[in-house]
Amino acid sequence: MGWQEFIGTNGVLLAVAGFIFLAVWLGVRIVPQSEKHVVERFGRLRAVLGPGINFIVPFLDRVAHRISVLERQLPTAQQDAITTDNVLVKVETSVFYRIIEPEKTVYRIRDVDAAIATTVAGIVRSEIGKMELDQVQSNRNELTGKIREQVAAMVDDWGIEVTRAEILDVNLDDATRQAMLQQLNAERARRAQVTEAEGKRRAVELAADADLYAAEQKAKARRISADAEAYATQVVAVAIKENGLEAAQYQVALKQVEALALVGAGTGKQTILLPTSALDAFGDAFALLKGKS
């Protein structure tokens, strides 16, 4: 065998080996965990390769698109919106999404980020246009939930899953902010006046309650005193009934003696004038005491 035949035979073998190696190289595709590959055959969708080792037909199939399935974040955007009470607000939104069906994404939409941003802007304007400014401020969580649901429904045809859609801030223009500040100050002043008025009214009510309590206590004391006097009168009446007139005279004489004792107990030098009837009262009292003994 000559050198020409040897070289020719080896060249054929090398060509065959090279062809086989190229076929294997083109037919085996290793896809990373974070990607999906879209395979086309003659310009048409053939398959979507998932993570791991995949086999395709060499020279006929080709990987046309390598799509990352990692979660993505749109740049923070601002949308102008007008509430039902004609207040212009600037809404800052943030959207996170990921591609779950790349065969829809690559053949149905060209610029994914721009499409989602436009969709979010339209939904935000529509939802805020149904609410007043106070509702936008107080129901932000509810508004965020509505926006997330509507965005997820609209991008579903693009093979996209919206994982998060948040309203970061709602900004007002300077004129509206100043008006709201004045309104807030007026509301604080009104609440202070109402609190002061309620305090005064409560003080008047407590004073009236105290006066009423004092009057009730005085009336109760008078009633107790009257009951005591009535009881004493009843006792005297019973004594007169049982012992006759002498018991009554005895009680009168004791009262006169007690009164004279009080007069004599005063401080300083005093001159006491006793009527003649007082001496008779002493005598009667002593006589009665003597008679009782």
Foldseek 3Di string as FASTA:
>chain_A
DDPVVVVVVVVVVVVVVVVVVVQVVQFKDAAAQQKKFFKDFPRHTDDIDHHGIGTDGPPGIDGPDIFGFDKDKAPWDWAWAAACVGFIKIWTKIWIKGAQDQVLQVPPDDDVNVVLVVLLNVLLRVVRNHHDPVCCVPVQVVSQVVSQVVSQVVCVSSRMGTPGMHTPDIGGDPVVVVVVVVVVVVVVVVVVVVVVVVVVVVVVVVVVVVVVVVVVVVVVVVVVVVVVVVVVVVVQVVCCVVPNPLSVLLVVLVVLVVVVVVVVPDDDDDDDDDDPVNVVSVVSNVVSVVVVD
